[in-house]
Amino acid sequence: MQLVLIVTLSIHALSAVFWVGTSFALARTGGARGEHLLRPQMGAAIVAFLSGGYLWSLLHEGRFGPAEQVLALGVACAIAAAGVQGAMGGPAAKALRANEGVDHARRRLTVAQRIASVLLAVTLVTMVAARYV
């Protein structure tokens, strides 16, 4: 059990760090080269969701106390962040790869990353704080 927990937590943390870090970087750089990072970001988001769900089943089964409520807020923000990145950033990244409407697409990709960054910042805070509520 302990080894499974350590491996799962490590996978969750690594995928989340990549997702959040690239989101913050793209938000700050105006989406520079974001069309090349969106797919890896979405892959990292999927891994973070799957490993996070498994962690929930290992550590929070059958409870929905204050810690789980705080984590649920973080999960909702992460889902919203992935939705924004997919819905706004996906078409923008496709347009950028096709070299169509570059200025508009870059702005949309940047806005998507900025919105997602705020949501992911909330997610990170909830993951850190949940243990102490």
C-alpha atoms as a PDB file:
ATOM      1  CA  MET A   1       0.000   0.000   0.000  1.00  0.00           C
ATOM      2  CA  GLN A   2       2.735   2.460   0.957  1.00  0.00           C
ATOM      3  CA  LEU A   3       4.650   1.946  -2.305  1.00  0.00           C
ATOM      4  CA  VAL A   4       1.462   2.293  -4.383  1.00  0.00           C
ATOM      5  CA  LEU A   5       0.642   5.519  -2.543  1.00  0.00           C
ATOM      6  CA  ILE A   6       4.135   6.937  -3.104  1.00  0.00           C
ATOM      7  CA  VAL A   7       4.161   6.070  -6.810  1.00  0.00           C
ATOM      8  CA  THR A   8       0.642   7.406  -7.381  1.00  0.00           C
ATOM      9  CA  LEU A   9       1.354  10.612  -5.473  1.00  0.00           C
ATOM     10  CA  SER A  10       4.567  11.114  -7.456  1.00  0.00           C
ATOM     11  CA  ILE A  11       2.792  10.605 -10.779  1.00  0.00           C
ATOM     12  CA  HIS A  12       0.042  13.001  -9.701  1.00  0.00           C
ATOM     13  CA  ALA A  13       2.507  15.666  -8.563  1.00  0.00           C
ATOM     14  CA  LEU A  14       4.729  15.421 -11.651  1.00  0.00           C
ATOM     15  CA  SER A  15       1.876  15.615 -14.128  1.00  0.00           C
ATOM     16  CA  ALA A  16       0.244  18.485 -12.208  1.00  0.00           C
ATOM     17  CA  VAL A  17       3.507  20.418 -11.990  1.00  0.00           C
ATOM     18  CA  PHE A  18       3.985  20.130 -15.760  1.00  0.00           C
ATOM     19  CA  TRP A  19       0.390  21.179 -16.451  1.00  0.00           C
ATOM     20  CA  VAL A  20       0.413  24.110 -14.043  1.00  0.00           C
ATOM     21  CA  GLY A  21       3.935  25.213 -14.909  1.00  0.00           C
ATOM     22  CA  THR A  22       3.345  25.301 -18.647  1.00  0.00           C
ATOM     23  CA  SER A  23       0.030  27.091 -18.100  1.00  0.00           C
ATOM     24  CA  PHE A  24       1.720  29.775 -16.003  1.00  0.00           C
ATOM     25  CA  ALA A  25       4.574  30.112 -18.505  1.00  0.00           C
ATOM     26  CA  LEU A  26       2.236  30.402 -21.504  1.00  0.00           C
ATOM     27  CA  ALA A  27       0.037  32.900 -19.668  1.00  0.00           C
ATOM     28  CA  ARG A  28       3.099  35.027 -18.937  1.00  0.00           C
ATOM     29  CA  THR A  29       4.666  34.794 -22.412  1.00  0.00           C
ATOM     30  CA  GLY A  30       1.534  35.564 -24.393  1.00  0.00           C
ATOM     31  CA  GLY A  31       1.073  31.970 -25.493  1.00  0.00           C
ATOM     32  CA  ALA A  32       4.436  31.824 -27.262  1.00  0.00           C
ATOM     33  CA  ARG A  33       4.723  28.389 -28.907  1.00  0.00           C
ATOM     34  CA  GLY A  34       1.615  27.310 -27.012  1.00  0.00           C
ATOM     35  CA  GLU A  35       0.312  25.412 -30.001  1.00  0.00           C
ATOM     36  CA  HIS A  36       3.108  22.904 -29.374  1.00  0.00           C
ATOM     37  CA  LEU A  37       2.388  22.524 -25.662  1.00  0.00           C
ATOM     38  CA  LEU A  38      -1.395  22.229 -25.594  1.00  0.00           C
ATOM     39  CA  ARG A  39      -1.519  18.505 -26.380  1.00  0.00           C
ATOM     40  CA  PRO A  40       1.122  17.617 -23.764  1.00  0.00           C
ATOM     41  CA  GLN A  41      -0.746  19.841 -21.293  1.00  0.00           C
ATOM     42  CA  MET A  42      -3.988  17.979 -21.908  1.00  0.00           C
ATOM     43  CA  GLY A  43      -2.154  14.670 -21.564  1.00  0.00           C
ATOM     44  CA  ALA A  44      -0.716  15.813 -18.247  1.00  0.00           C
ATOM     45  CA  ALA A  45      -4.188  16.942 -17.155  1.00  0.00           C
ATOM     46  CA  ILE A  46      -5.607  13.482 -17.904  1.00  0.00           C
ATOM     47  CA  VAL A  47      -2.811  11.810 -15.936  1.00  0.00           C
ATOM     48  CA  ALA A  48      -3.345  14.255 -13.060  1.00  0.00           C
ATOM     49  CA  PHE A  49      -7.110  13.537 -13.022  1.00  0.00           C
ATOM     50  CA  LEU A  50      -6.675   9.767 -13.146  1.00  0.00           C
ATOM     51  CA  SER A  51      -3.955   9.639 -10.511  1.00  0.00           C
ATOM     52  CA  GLY A  52      -5.842  12.150  -8.353  1.00  0.00           C
ATOM     53  CA  GLY A  53      -8.983  10.044  -8.552  1.00  0.00           C
ATOM     54  CA  TYR A  54      -7.025   6.992  -7.498  1.00  0.00           C
ATOM     55  CA  LEU A  55      -5.453   8.943  -4.632  1.00  0.00           C
ATOM     56  CA  TRP A  56      -8.934  10.008  -3.534  1.00  0.00           C
ATOM     57  CA  SER A  57     -10.031   6.362  -3.464  1.00  0.00           C
ATOM     58  CA  LEU A  58      -6.959   5.426  -1.420  1.00  0.00           C
ATOM     59  CA  LEU A  59      -7.051   8.272   1.085  1.00  0.00           C
ATOM     60  CA  HIS A  60     -10.613   9.627   1.270  1.00  0.00           C
ATOM     61  CA  GLU A  61     -12.912   6.663   0.695  1.00  0.00           C
ATOM     62  CA  GLY A  62     -16.357   7.069   2.210  1.00  0.00           C
ATOM     63  CA  ARG A  63     -15.758  10.510   3.730  1.00  0.00           C
ATOM     64  CA  PHE A  64     -16.788  13.983   2.689  1.00  0.00           C
ATOM     65  CA  GLY A  65     -15.550  16.109   5.537  1.00  0.00           C
ATOM     66  CA  PRO A  66     -13.921  19.540   5.380  1.00  0.00           C
ATOM     67  CA  ALA A  67     -10.719  18.255   3.737  1.00  0.00           C
ATOM     68  CA  GLU A  68     -12.676  16.465   1.007  1.00  0.00           C
ATOM     69  CA  GLN A  69     -14.839  19.542   0.451  1.00  0.00           C
ATOM     70  CA  VAL A  70     -11.755  21.701  -0.048  1.00  0.00           C
ATOM     71  CA  LEU A  71     -10.281  19.099  -2.419  1.00  0.00           C
ATOM     72  CA  ALA A  72     -13.583  18.935  -4.323  1.00  0.00           C
ATOM     73  CA  LEU A  73     -13.335  22.694  -4.931  1.00  0.00           C
ATOM     74  CA  GLY A  74      -9.854  22.123  -6.332  1.00  0.00           C
ATOM     75  CA  VAL A  75     -11.107  19.308  -8.550  1.00  0.00           C
ATOM     76  CA  ALA A  76     -13.880  21.552  -9.884  1.00  0.00           C
ATOM     77  CA  CYS A  77     -11.350  24.299 -10.670  1.00  0.00           C
ATOM     78  CA  ALA A  78      -9.046  21.805 -12.406  1.00  0.00           C
ATOM     79  CA  ILE A  79     -11.928  20.485 -14.510  1.00  0.00           C
ATOM     80  CA  ALA A  80     -12.861  24.044 -15.440  1.00  0.00           C
ATOM     81  CA  ALA A  81      -9.222  24.823 -16.319  1.00  0.00           C
ATOM     82  CA  ALA A  82      -8.979  21.789 -18.601  1.00  0.00           C
ATOM     83  CA  GLY A  83     -12.304  22.739 -20.173  1.00  0.00           C
ATOM     84  CA  VAL A  84     -11.156  26.283 -20.880  1.00  0.00           C
ATOM     85  CA  GLN A  85      -7.863  25.098 -22.305  1.00  0.00           C
ATOM     86  CA  GLY A  86      -9.583  22.532 -24.492  1.00  0.00           C
ATOM     87  CA  ALA A  87     -12.504  24.664 -25.634  1.00  0.00           C
ATOM     88  CA  MET A  88     -10.651  27.939 -26.207  1.00  0.00           C
ATOM     89  CA  GLY A  89      -7.062  26.825 -26.569  1.00  0.00           C
ATOM     90  CA  GLY A  90      -7.691  23.784 -28.762  1.00  0.00           C
ATOM     91  CA  PRO A  91      -9.151  25.621 -31.751  1.00  0.00           C
ATOM     92  CA  ALA A  92      -6.615  28.428 -31.300  1.00  0.00           C
ATOM     93  CA  ALA A  93      -3.707  25.971 -31.308  1.00  0.00           C
ATOM     94  CA  LYS A  94      -5.112  24.289 -34.420  1.00  0.00           C
ATOM     95  CA  ALA A  95      -5.367  27.663 -36.176  1.00  0.00           C
ATOM     96  CA  LEU A  96      -1.802  28.529 -35.165  1.00  0.00           C
ATOM     97  CA  ARG A  97      -0.478  25.217 -36.476  1.00  0.00           C
ATOM     98  CA  ALA A  98      -2.298  25.911 -39.770  1.00  0.00           C
ATOM     99  CA  ASN A  99      -0.995  29.497 -39.759  1.00  0.00           C
ATOM    100  CA  GLU A 100      -4.549  30.889 -39.975  1.00  0.00           C
ATOM    101  CA  GLY A 101      -5.604  34.063 -38.156  1.00  0.00           C
ATOM    102  CA  VAL A 102      -2.419  34.021 -36.147  1.00  0.00           C
ATOM    103  CA  ASP A 103      -2.973  37.210 -34.112  1.00  0.00           C
ATOM    104  CA  HIS A 104      -6.515  36.314 -33.078  1.00  0.00           C
ATOM    105  CA  ALA A 105      -5.581  32.696 -32.360  1.00  0.00           C
ATOM    106  CA  ARG A 106      -2.576  33.742 -30.253  1.00  0.00           C
ATOM    107  CA  ARG A 107      -4.782  36.082 -28.203  1.00  0.00           C
ATOM    108  CA  ARG A 108      -7.364  33.336 -27.622  1.00  0.00           C
ATOM    109  CA  LEU A 109      -4.685  30.867 -26.603  1.00  0.00           C
ATOM    110  CA  THR A 110      -3.202  33.414 -24.204  1.00  0.00           C
ATOM    111  CA  VAL A 111      -6.581  34.204 -22.654  1.00  0.00           C
ATOM    112  CA  ALA A 112      -7.296  30.488 -22.239  1.00  0.00           C
ATOM    113  CA  GLN A 113      -3.956  29.956 -20.486  1.00  0.00           C
ATOM    114  CA  ARG A 114      -4.494  32.961 -18.211  1.00  0.00           C
ATOM    115  CA  ILE A 115      -7.949  31.805 -17.151  1.00  0.00           C
ATOM    116  CA  ALA A 116      -6.654  28.275 -16.627  1.00  0.00           C
ATOM    117  CA  SER A 117      -3.707  29.583 -14.618  1.00  0.00           C
ATOM    118  CA  VAL A 118      -5.998  31.309 -12.127  1.00  0.00           C
ATOM    119  CA  LEU A 119      -8.129  28.184 -11.803  1.00  0.00           C
ATOM    120  CA  LEU A 120      -5.069  25.967 -11.410  1.00  0.00           C
ATOM    121  CA  ALA A 121      -3.633  28.307  -8.776  1.00  0.00           C
ATOM    122  CA  VAL A 122      -6.822  27.780  -6.769  1.00  0.00           C
ATOM    123  CA  THR A 123      -6.469  24.038  -7.319  1.00  0.00           C
ATOM    124  CA  LEU A 124      -2.913  24.076  -5.981  1.00  0.00           C
ATOM    125  CA  VAL A 125      -3.913  26.065  -2.916  1.00  0.00           C
ATOM    126  CA  THR A 126      -6.726  23.633  -2.155  1.00  0.00           C
ATOM    127  CA  MET A 127      -4.429  20.614  -2.458  1.00  0.00           C
ATOM    128  CA  VAL A 128      -1.956  22.150  -0.034  1.00  0.00           C
ATOM    129  CA  ALA A 129      -4.579  23.479   2.382  1.00  0.00           C
ATOM    130  CA  ALA A 130      -6.870  20.436   2.470  1.00  0.00           C
ATOM    131  CA  ARG A 131      -4.697  18.602   4.962  1.00  0.00           C
ATOM    132  CA  TYR A 132      -4.946  21.417   7.471  1.00  0.00           C
ATOM    133  CA  VAL A 133      -8.688  22.231   7.445  1.00  0.00           C
END
